[in-house]
Each structure stands twice: as structure tokens, then as C-alpha cells.
């Protein structure tokens, strides 16, 4: 992916960090946003730069629309363009339905759905033909095999409509828009050695967790030349959880 610039939200750890590093390995300059850990984001930037590409870390909370738009604008100011947007930043609200608060609903929808809309709208102003917008959803948007995930599943399923709508809006300009649904993936948010991990493995066809690099590989394909005719699609990488 030579001479291209990517912005990855929530890129300081987990799936986001893996995506940033893979895009850099494929030849892109990469900007990552972070909400809390400047040190971790800086470490990702160092790994990006170790590939020979340029990197930049920007603080931007997914709940703050102004900060998100500013991150897009600062990316273009720093690197002169924006070709790939990856909406990755996320949270994992979990708990009994009756205990979910309206504040949690508003925050979760802001992080997963509103942020993706705001970023796509801002990024589209700078993208030309060949631009890519990719959001990270969840296999729970397609199948919810156990209780406690209603809010999370609802917020991630909103990305399906966003992706299809954006694909139609931006298709005439040559910009593709797609969605990647990870299943259980070995990250700090959902470690493969947690007490709940064995139950999650039992729901998969392959009997194993995904690695963040599995998700990054799919994003890289959609962001690259191989993804030029894929748009409005949802690609599930979940070891067969939704099979």
C-alpha cells in the first residue's frame, strides 16, 4: 500500500494496534488515536516507524465528536492526505439487562455508532477514488449465544446499516466501505486464558480464539487492491462462531 495514509482509531492496543502495524508493513503511513495511554500509542508508532513508514499518535476520545473530526484534520495536515479510515475504537459493556443504565446506552452508542458516523463523514471530505472506510464490528451483531450482551450487540449491529448506507453514498466517488466482525479475539479486553474463555471456545467451529493479526489481515485485504470491488459487505472472522 505505497504512498497511502491510514487512520486507525483505538490503535494503542489489541486489534487496533495489530491493524496499524499490518497496514504499515503493507506500506502505509499510519496515524493512531488513543483515549488514555499515550505511552502505549507511542509504542505502536515506534513499531510503525520500524517498518520504514511514518507514524503519529493523536489523543481523541471516541465520545467527543470534535476531537474525532480534529484527528481527521490533523492527519491530513501532517501527512497531506487520508486514504484509509479504520473505525476500531470500542468498549465492551456487559451485564444483566435490568442493570443497564441510560448513561451506559448513550456512551456505548456514541463510541460504536456515532463515532463511526462522525469519522466517516469527516474522512470522506478528504478521500478520493480508492479511499477505504472499514469499521470493526462484532460477531455478536449476527448471533448472541449468551445473555448479558444486548447493549453491545445493539451498538455493533448499527454498523451494518452505517456500512451499507455509506457504501451507496460514497460508491460513486470510488470509495469502498466495509465491516469486519471479529469473534472472540485474544486481547486484554477478552484474554484467551480468562475463566470465560473455554465457554467462548466451545461456541466456535474451530475450537480456538482469533489472534488480533487475523483481524488485521482481513482489514489489510479490504484496504488494499484486493478489496477494490468489495463494498457494503460484512466479513466475519470468528473461528466459526456464527457458522
C-alpha atoms as a PDB file:
ATOM      1  CA  UNK A   1       0.000   0.000   0.000  1.00  0.00           C
ATOM      2  CA  UNK A   2       2.630   2.566  -1.059  1.00  0.00           C
ATOM      3  CA  UNK A   3       2.128   6.309  -0.582  1.00  0.00           C
ATOM      4  CA  UNK A   4      -1.121   5.876   1.342  1.00  0.00           C
ATOM      5  CA  UNK A   5      -2.159   7.232   4.729  1.00  0.00           C
ATOM      6  CA  UNK A   6      -4.334   5.347   7.235  1.00  0.00           C
ATOM      7  CA  UNK A   7      -6.069   6.487  10.400  1.00  0.00           C
ATOM      8  CA  UNK A   8      -6.840   3.760  12.952  1.00  0.00           C
ATOM      9  CA  UNK A   9      -8.939   4.710  15.967  1.00  0.00           C
ATOM     10  CA  UNK A  10      -8.259   2.959  19.249  1.00  0.00           C
ATOM     11  CA  UNK A  11      -4.899   1.941  17.848  1.00  0.00           C
ATOM     12  CA  UNK A  12      -2.855   1.800  21.028  1.00  0.00           C
ATOM     13  CA  UNK A  13      -3.526  -1.865  21.821  1.00  0.00           C
ATOM     14  CA  UNK A  14      -5.214  -5.087  20.815  1.00  0.00           C
ATOM     15  CA  UNK A  15      -6.873  -5.320  17.422  1.00  0.00           C
ATOM     16  CA  UNK A  16      -6.244  -1.653  16.652  1.00  0.00           C
ATOM     17  CA  UNK A  17      -2.504  -1.961  17.240  1.00  0.00           C
ATOM     18  CA  UNK A  18      -2.351  -5.094  15.089  1.00  0.00           C
ATOM     19  CA  UNK A  19      -4.177  -3.296  12.282  1.00  0.00           C
ATOM     20  CA  UNK A  20      -1.866  -0.277  12.486  1.00  0.00           C
ATOM     21  CA  UNK A  21       1.226  -2.463  12.325  1.00  0.00           C
ATOM     22  CA  UNK A  22      -0.104  -4.553   9.435  1.00  0.00           C
ATOM     23  CA  UNK A  23      -1.051  -1.505   7.365  1.00  0.00           C
ATOM     24  CA  UNK A  24       2.409  -0.068   7.972  1.00  0.00           C
ATOM     25  CA  UNK A  25       4.006  -3.362   6.932  1.00  0.00           C
ATOM     26  CA  UNK A  26       1.967  -3.120   3.731  1.00  0.00           C
ATOM     27  CA  UNK A  27       3.391   0.326   3.044  1.00  0.00           C
ATOM     28  CA  UNK A  28       1.034   2.863   4.623  1.00  0.00           C
ATOM     29  CA  UNK A  29       1.855   5.766   6.887  1.00  0.00           C
ATOM     30  CA  UNK A  30      -0.330   5.294   9.956  1.00  0.00           C
ATOM     31  CA  UNK A  31      -1.973   7.588  12.481  1.00  0.00           C
ATOM     32  CA  UNK A  32      -3.456   6.009  15.611  1.00  0.00           C
ATOM     33  CA  UNK A  33      -5.803   7.583  18.114  1.00  0.00           C
ATOM     34  CA  UNK A  34      -5.892   6.764  21.790  1.00  0.00           C
ATOM     35  CA  UNK A  35      -8.090   7.742  24.719  1.00  0.00           C
ATOM     36  CA  UNK A  36      -5.890   7.035  27.747  1.00  0.00           C
ATOM     37  CA  UNK A  37      -2.411   5.617  27.220  1.00  0.00           C
ATOM     38  CA  UNK A  38      -0.073   7.947  25.360  1.00  0.00           C
ATOM     39  CA  UNK A  39       2.784   5.597  26.218  1.00  0.00           C
ATOM     40  CA  UNK A  40       1.153   2.607  24.535  1.00  0.00           C
ATOM     41  CA  UNK A  41       0.227   4.661  21.499  1.00  0.00           C
ATOM     42  CA  UNK A  42       3.811   5.870  21.235  1.00  0.00           C
ATOM     43  CA  UNK A  43       4.995   2.260  21.314  1.00  0.00           C
ATOM     44  CA  UNK A  44       2.733   1.434  18.375  1.00  0.00           C
ATOM     45  CA  UNK A  45       4.089   4.442  16.490  1.00  0.00           C
ATOM     46  CA  UNK A  46       7.627   3.175  17.085  1.00  0.00           C
ATOM     47  CA  UNK A  47       6.677  -0.194  15.611  1.00  0.00           C
ATOM     48  CA  UNK A  48       5.101   1.542  12.629  1.00  0.00           C
ATOM     49  CA  UNK A  49       8.257   3.580  12.103  1.00  0.00           C
ATOM     50  CA  UNK A  50      10.378   0.438  12.392  1.00  0.00           C
ATOM     51  CA  UNK A  51       8.819  -0.672   9.093  1.00  0.00           C
ATOM     52  CA  UNK A  52      10.149   2.469   7.429  1.00  0.00           C
ATOM     53  CA  UNK A  53       6.803   4.245   7.374  1.00  0.00           C
ATOM     54  CA  UNK A  54       5.728   7.410   9.168  1.00  0.00           C
ATOM     55  CA  UNK A  55       3.589   7.200  12.301  1.00  0.00           C
ATOM     56  CA  UNK A  56       1.690   9.580  14.551  1.00  0.00           C
ATOM     57  CA  UNK A  57      -0.370   9.210  17.741  1.00  0.00           C
ATOM     58  CA  UNK A  58      -3.268  11.563  18.486  1.00  0.00           C
ATOM     59  CA  UNK A  59      -5.376  11.740  21.621  1.00  0.00           C
ATOM     60  CA  UNK A  60      -9.062  11.587  20.720  1.00  0.00           C
ATOM     61  CA  UNK A  61     -11.903  10.240  22.837  1.00  0.00           C
ATOM     62  CA  UNK A  62     -14.490   8.283  20.848  1.00  0.00           C
ATOM     63  CA  UNK A  63     -17.233  10.094  22.772  1.00  0.00           C
ATOM     64  CA  UNK A  64     -16.001  13.537  21.690  1.00  0.00           C
ATOM     65  CA  UNK A  65     -17.096  14.363  18.144  1.00  0.00           C
ATOM     66  CA  UNK A  66     -14.949  17.492  17.978  1.00  0.00           C
ATOM     67  CA  UNK A  67     -11.818  15.557  18.890  1.00  0.00           C
ATOM     68  CA  UNK A  68     -12.605  12.921  16.249  1.00  0.00           C
ATOM     69  CA  UNK A  69     -13.026  15.492  13.485  1.00  0.00           C
ATOM     70  CA  UNK A  70      -9.839  17.182  14.654  1.00  0.00           C
ATOM     71  CA  UNK A  71      -7.972  13.852  14.433  1.00  0.00           C
ATOM     72  CA  UNK A  72      -9.010  13.510  10.793  1.00  0.00           C
ATOM     73  CA  UNK A  73      -7.988  17.076  10.001  1.00  0.00           C
ATOM     74  CA  UNK A  74      -4.675  16.733  11.844  1.00  0.00           C
ATOM     75  CA  UNK A  75      -3.926  13.548   9.926  1.00  0.00           C
ATOM     76  CA  UNK A  76      -4.377  15.372   6.629  1.00  0.00           C
ATOM     77  CA  UNK A  77      -2.352  18.337   7.850  1.00  0.00           C
ATOM     78  CA  UNK A  78       0.517  16.115   8.975  1.00  0.00           C
ATOM     79  CA  UNK A  79       0.639  13.702   6.045  1.00  0.00           C
ATOM     80  CA  UNK A  80      -1.105  15.556   3.246  1.00  0.00           C
ATOM     81  CA  UNK A  81      -3.924  13.077   2.625  1.00  0.00           C
ATOM     82  CA  UNK A  82      -6.141  10.348   4.052  1.00  0.00           C
ATOM     83  CA  UNK A  83      -6.811   7.124   2.167  1.00  0.00           C
ATOM     84  CA  UNK A  84      -7.904   4.583   4.784  1.00  0.00           C
ATOM     85  CA  UNK A  85     -10.078   5.044   7.859  1.00  0.00           C
ATOM     86  CA  UNK A  86     -10.442   2.162  10.311  1.00  0.00           C
ATOM     87  CA  UNK A  87     -13.154   2.691  12.929  1.00  0.00           C
ATOM     88  CA  UNK A  88     -11.819   0.381  15.617  1.00  0.00           C
ATOM     89  CA  UNK A  89     -12.197   2.117  18.997  1.00  0.00           C
ATOM     90  CA  UNK A  90     -14.611   0.242  21.212  1.00  0.00           C
ATOM     91  CA  UNK A  91     -15.756  -0.741  24.672  1.00  0.00           C
ATOM     92  CA  UNK A  92     -17.365  -3.915  25.998  1.00  0.00           C
ATOM     93  CA  UNK A  93     -20.386  -3.248  28.232  1.00  0.00           C
ATOM     94  CA  UNK A  94     -21.676  -6.460  29.778  1.00  0.00           C
ATOM     95  CA  UNK A  95     -24.253  -7.246  32.425  1.00  0.00           C
ATOM     96  CA  UNK A  96     -27.849  -8.125  33.225  1.00  0.00           C
ATOM     97  CA  UNK A  97     -30.397  -6.235  31.153  1.00  0.00           C
ATOM     98  CA  UNK A  98     -32.154  -4.759  34.165  1.00  0.00           C
ATOM     99  CA  UNK A  99     -28.909  -3.174  35.396  1.00  0.00           C
ATOM    100  CA  UNK A 100     -28.042  -1.327  32.190  1.00  0.00           C
ATOM    101  CA  UNK A 101     -28.310   2.448  32.667  1.00  0.00           C
ATOM    102  CA  UNK A 102     -29.269   5.059  30.114  1.00  0.00           C
ATOM    103  CA  UNK A 103     -25.836   6.586  30.563  1.00  0.00           C
ATOM    104  CA  UNK A 104     -24.267   3.272  29.501  1.00  0.00           C
ATOM    105  CA  UNK A 105     -26.586   3.136  26.496  1.00  0.00           C
ATOM    106  CA  UNK A 106     -25.665   6.651  25.411  1.00  0.00           C
ATOM    107  CA  UNK A 107     -21.936   6.092  25.906  1.00  0.00           C
ATOM    108  CA  UNK A 108     -21.890   2.768  24.083  1.00  0.00           C
ATOM    109  CA  UNK A 109     -23.862   4.064  21.119  1.00  0.00           C
ATOM    110  CA  UNK A 110     -21.606   7.124  20.989  1.00  0.00           C
ATOM    111  CA  UNK A 111     -18.409   5.062  20.965  1.00  0.00           C
ATOM    112  CA  UNK A 112     -19.537   2.413  18.478  1.00  0.00           C
ATOM    113  CA  UNK A 113     -22.066   4.085  16.181  1.00  0.00           C
ATOM    114  CA  UNK A 114     -21.914   7.881  16.439  1.00  0.00           C
ATOM    115  CA  UNK A 115     -18.110   7.974  16.363  1.00  0.00           C
ATOM    116  CA  UNK A 116     -18.005   5.814  13.242  1.00  0.00           C
ATOM    117  CA  UNK A 117     -20.515   8.106  11.522  1.00  0.00           C
ATOM    118  CA  UNK A 118     -18.682  11.287  12.538  1.00  0.00           C
ATOM    119  CA  UNK A 119     -15.317   9.928  11.438  1.00  0.00           C
ATOM    120  CA  UNK A 120     -16.623   8.624   8.128  1.00  0.00           C
ATOM    121  CA  UNK A 121     -18.284  11.950   7.392  1.00  0.00           C
ATOM    122  CA  UNK A 122     -15.087  13.849   8.199  1.00  0.00           C
ATOM    123  CA  UNK A 123     -12.813  11.432   6.346  1.00  0.00           C
ATOM    124  CA  UNK A 124     -14.988  11.432   3.221  1.00  0.00           C
ATOM    125  CA  UNK A 125     -14.269  15.138   2.778  1.00  0.00           C
ATOM    126  CA  UNK A 126     -10.616  14.294   2.173  1.00  0.00           C
ATOM    127  CA  UNK A 127     -10.799  10.948   0.360  1.00  0.00           C
ATOM    128  CA  UNK A 128     -10.625  10.465  -3.375  1.00  0.00           C
ATOM    129  CA  UNK A 129     -11.208   7.449  -5.573  1.00  0.00           C
ATOM    130  CA  UNK A 130      -9.641   4.392  -3.982  1.00  0.00           C
ATOM    131  CA  UNK A 131     -10.444   5.529  -0.458  1.00  0.00           C
ATOM    132  CA  UNK A 132     -11.366   2.899   2.098  1.00  0.00           C
ATOM    133  CA  UNK A 133     -13.551   3.070   5.209  1.00  0.00           C
ATOM    134  CA  UNK A 134     -13.545  -0.059   7.368  1.00  0.00           C
ATOM    135  CA  UNK A 135     -15.341  -0.472  10.685  1.00  0.00           C
ATOM    136  CA  UNK A 136     -14.724  -3.148  13.293  1.00  0.00           C
ATOM    137  CA  UNK A 137     -17.989  -4.712  14.420  1.00  0.00           C
ATOM    138  CA  UNK A 138     -18.540  -7.974  16.269  1.00  0.00           C
ATOM    139  CA  UNK A 139     -19.845 -11.459  15.586  1.00  0.00           C
ATOM    140  CA  UNK A 140     -22.343 -10.662  18.362  1.00  0.00           C
ATOM    141  CA  UNK A 141     -24.082  -8.404  15.864  1.00  0.00           C
ATOM    142  CA  UNK A 142     -25.055 -11.569  13.991  1.00  0.00           C
ATOM    143  CA  UNK A 143     -25.502 -14.073  16.790  1.00  0.00           C
ATOM    144  CA  UNK A 144     -25.777 -13.589  20.558  1.00  0.00           C
ATOM    145  CA  UNK A 145     -25.266 -17.047  22.118  1.00  0.00           C
ATOM    146  CA  UNK A 146     -25.474 -15.999  25.779  1.00  0.00           C
ATOM    147  CA  UNK A 147     -27.134 -13.278  27.890  1.00  0.00           C
ATOM    148  CA  UNK A 148     -25.641 -10.011  29.055  1.00  0.00           C
ATOM    149  CA  UNK A 149     -24.591  -8.614  25.682  1.00  0.00           C
ATOM    150  CA  UNK A 150     -27.759  -6.880  24.478  1.00  0.00           C
ATOM    151  CA  UNK A 151     -26.386  -3.330  24.558  1.00  0.00           C
ATOM    152  CA  UNK A 152     -23.084  -4.312  22.966  1.00  0.00           C
ATOM    153  CA  UNK A 153     -24.805  -6.320  20.211  1.00  0.00           C
ATOM    154  CA  UNK A 154     -27.245  -3.498  19.512  1.00  0.00           C
ATOM    155  CA  UNK A 155     -24.477  -0.930  19.163  1.00  0.00           C
ATOM    156  CA  UNK A 156     -22.375  -3.117  16.888  1.00  0.00           C
ATOM    157  CA  UNK A 157     -25.316  -4.072  14.691  1.00  0.00           C
ATOM    158  CA  UNK A 158     -25.831  -0.359  13.998  1.00  0.00           C
ATOM    159  CA  UNK A 159     -22.612  -0.524  11.988  1.00  0.00           C
ATOM    160  CA  UNK A 160     -24.298  -2.816   9.473  1.00  0.00           C
ATOM    161  CA  UNK A 161     -26.732  -0.104   8.405  1.00  0.00           C
ATOM    162  CA  UNK A 162     -24.000   2.530   8.506  1.00  0.00           C
ATOM    163  CA  UNK A 163     -21.780   0.441   6.243  1.00  0.00           C
ATOM    164  CA  UNK A 164     -24.485  -0.227   3.666  1.00  0.00           C
ATOM    165  CA  UNK A 165     -25.634   3.381   3.606  1.00  0.00           C
ATOM    166  CA  UNK A 166     -22.116   4.762   3.278  1.00  0.00           C
ATOM    167  CA  UNK A 167     -21.339   2.277   0.511  1.00  0.00           C
ATOM    168  CA  UNK A 168     -24.188   3.757  -1.534  1.00  0.00           C
ATOM    169  CA  UNK A 169     -23.348   7.351  -0.646  1.00  0.00           C
ATOM    170  CA  UNK A 170     -19.637   7.048  -1.425  1.00  0.00           C
ATOM    171  CA  UNK A 171     -19.606   4.404  -4.152  1.00  0.00           C
ATOM    172  CA  UNK A 172     -19.981   6.953  -6.962  1.00  0.00           C
ATOM    173  CA  UNK A 173     -16.751   8.537  -5.742  1.00  0.00           C
ATOM    174  CA  UNK A 174     -14.855   5.243  -5.848  1.00  0.00           C
ATOM    175  CA  UNK A 175     -14.681   4.890  -2.043  1.00  0.00           C
ATOM    176  CA  UNK A 176     -15.415   1.463  -0.576  1.00  0.00           C
ATOM    177  CA  UNK A 177     -16.978   0.933   2.849  1.00  0.00           C
ATOM    178  CA  UNK A 178     -16.901  -2.392   4.673  1.00  0.00           C
ATOM    179  CA  UNK A 179     -17.337  -4.001   8.061  1.00  0.00           C
ATOM    180  CA  UNK A 180     -15.263  -6.688   9.775  1.00  0.00           C
ATOM    181  CA  UNK A 181     -16.920  -8.750  12.509  1.00  0.00           C
ATOM    182  CA  UNK A 182     -14.347 -10.315  14.856  1.00  0.00           C
ATOM    183  CA  UNK A 183     -15.314 -13.162  17.126  1.00  0.00           C
ATOM    184  CA  UNK A 184     -13.547 -13.954  20.401  1.00  0.00           C
ATOM    185  CA  UNK A 185     -10.089 -12.469  19.952  1.00  0.00           C
ATOM    186  CA  UNK A 186      -7.149 -12.735  22.319  1.00  0.00           C
ATOM    187  CA  UNK A 187      -6.762  -9.192  23.671  1.00  0.00           C
ATOM    188  CA  UNK A 188      -6.648  -7.519  27.071  1.00  0.00           C
ATOM    189  CA  UNK A 189     -10.380  -6.940  26.743  1.00  0.00           C
ATOM    190  CA  UNK A 190     -11.033 -10.668  26.227  1.00  0.00           C
ATOM    191  CA  UNK A 191      -7.920 -12.741  27.003  1.00  0.00           C
ATOM    192  CA  UNK A 192      -7.776 -16.308  25.746  1.00  0.00           C
ATOM    193  CA  UNK A 193      -6.733 -17.501  29.218  1.00  0.00           C
ATOM    194  CA  UNK A 194      -9.629 -15.902  31.111  1.00  0.00           C
ATOM    195  CA  UNK A 195     -12.084 -18.027  33.142  1.00  0.00           C
ATOM    196  CA  UNK A 196     -14.763 -17.459  30.480  1.00  0.00           C
ATOM    197  CA  UNK A 197     -12.545 -18.342  27.535  1.00  0.00           C
ATOM    198  CA  UNK A 198     -13.300 -22.057  27.487  1.00  0.00           C
ATOM    199  CA  UNK A 199     -17.017 -21.370  27.132  1.00  0.00           C
ATOM    200  CA  UNK A 200     -16.345 -18.971  24.264  1.00  0.00           C
ATOM    201  CA  UNK A 201     -14.159 -21.546  22.507  1.00  0.00           C
ATOM    202  CA  UNK A 202     -16.982 -24.047  22.790  1.00  0.00           C
ATOM    203  CA  UNK A 203     -19.142 -21.835  20.586  1.00  0.00           C
ATOM    204  CA  UNK A 204     -16.578 -21.793  17.766  1.00  0.00           C
ATOM    205  CA  UNK A 205     -16.341 -24.341  14.971  1.00  0.00           C
ATOM    206  CA  UNK A 206     -12.539 -24.365  15.149  1.00  0.00           C
ATOM    207  CA  UNK A 207     -12.305 -24.511  18.939  1.00  0.00           C
ATOM    208  CA  UNK A 208      -9.984 -21.560  19.281  1.00  0.00           C
ATOM    209  CA  UNK A 209      -9.735 -17.809  19.739  1.00  0.00           C
ATOM    210  CA  UNK A 210      -8.725 -15.499  16.931  1.00  0.00           C
ATOM    211  CA  UNK A 211      -5.432 -13.630  17.061  1.00  0.00           C
ATOM    212  CA  UNK A 212      -5.550  -9.836  16.512  1.00  0.00           C
ATOM    213  CA  UNK A 213      -3.389 -10.410  13.431  1.00  0.00           C
ATOM    214  CA  UNK A 214      -6.217 -12.454  11.909  1.00  0.00           C
ATOM    215  CA  UNK A 215      -8.473  -9.421  12.039  1.00  0.00           C
ATOM    216  CA  UNK A 216      -5.688  -7.165  10.774  1.00  0.00           C
ATOM    217  CA  UNK A 217      -5.122  -9.417   7.766  1.00  0.00           C
ATOM    218  CA  UNK A 218      -8.755  -9.090   6.706  1.00  0.00           C
ATOM    219  CA  UNK A 219      -8.668  -5.322   7.172  1.00  0.00           C
ATOM    220  CA  UNK A 220      -5.471  -5.153   5.112  1.00  0.00           C
ATOM    221  CA  UNK A 221      -7.129  -7.074   2.281  1.00  0.00           C
ATOM    222  CA  UNK A 222     -10.126  -4.741   2.255  1.00  0.00           C
ATOM    223  CA  UNK A 223      -7.827  -1.713   2.438  1.00  0.00           C
ATOM    224  CA  UNK A 224      -5.641  -2.912  -0.409  1.00  0.00           C
ATOM    225  CA  UNK A 225      -6.009  -3.570  -4.110  1.00  0.00           C
ATOM    226  CA  UNK A 226      -7.766  -6.876  -3.419  1.00  0.00           C
ATOM    227  CA  UNK A 227     -10.652  -5.005  -1.820  1.00  0.00           C
ATOM    228  CA  UNK A 228     -11.341  -2.591  -4.670  1.00  0.00           C
ATOM    229  CA  UNK A 229     -14.622  -4.280  -5.648  1.00  0.00           C
ATOM    230  CA  UNK A 230     -15.819  -5.162  -2.156  1.00  0.00           C
ATOM    231  CA  UNK A 231     -18.169  -2.613  -0.626  1.00  0.00           C
ATOM    232  CA  UNK A 232     -21.199  -2.642   1.641  1.00  0.00           C
ATOM    233  CA  UNK A 233     -20.038  -6.027   2.908  1.00  0.00           C
ATOM    234  CA  UNK A 234     -19.644  -7.569   6.360  1.00  0.00           C
ATOM    235  CA  UNK A 235     -16.796 -10.070   6.688  1.00  0.00           C
ATOM    236  CA  UNK A 236     -16.850 -12.288   9.776  1.00  0.00           C
ATOM    237  CA  UNK A 237     -13.582 -13.529  11.294  1.00  0.00           C
ATOM    238  CA  UNK A 238     -14.750 -15.593  14.264  1.00  0.00           C
ATOM    239  CA  UNK A 239     -13.373 -19.142  14.032  1.00  0.00           C
ATOM    240  CA  UNK A 240     -16.856 -20.252  13.066  1.00  0.00           C
ATOM    241  CA  UNK A 241     -18.887 -18.869  15.963  1.00  0.00           C
ATOM    242  CA  UNK A 242     -21.679 -17.839  13.615  1.00  0.00           C
ATOM    243  CA  UNK A 243     -21.407 -20.932  11.401  1.00  0.00           C
END
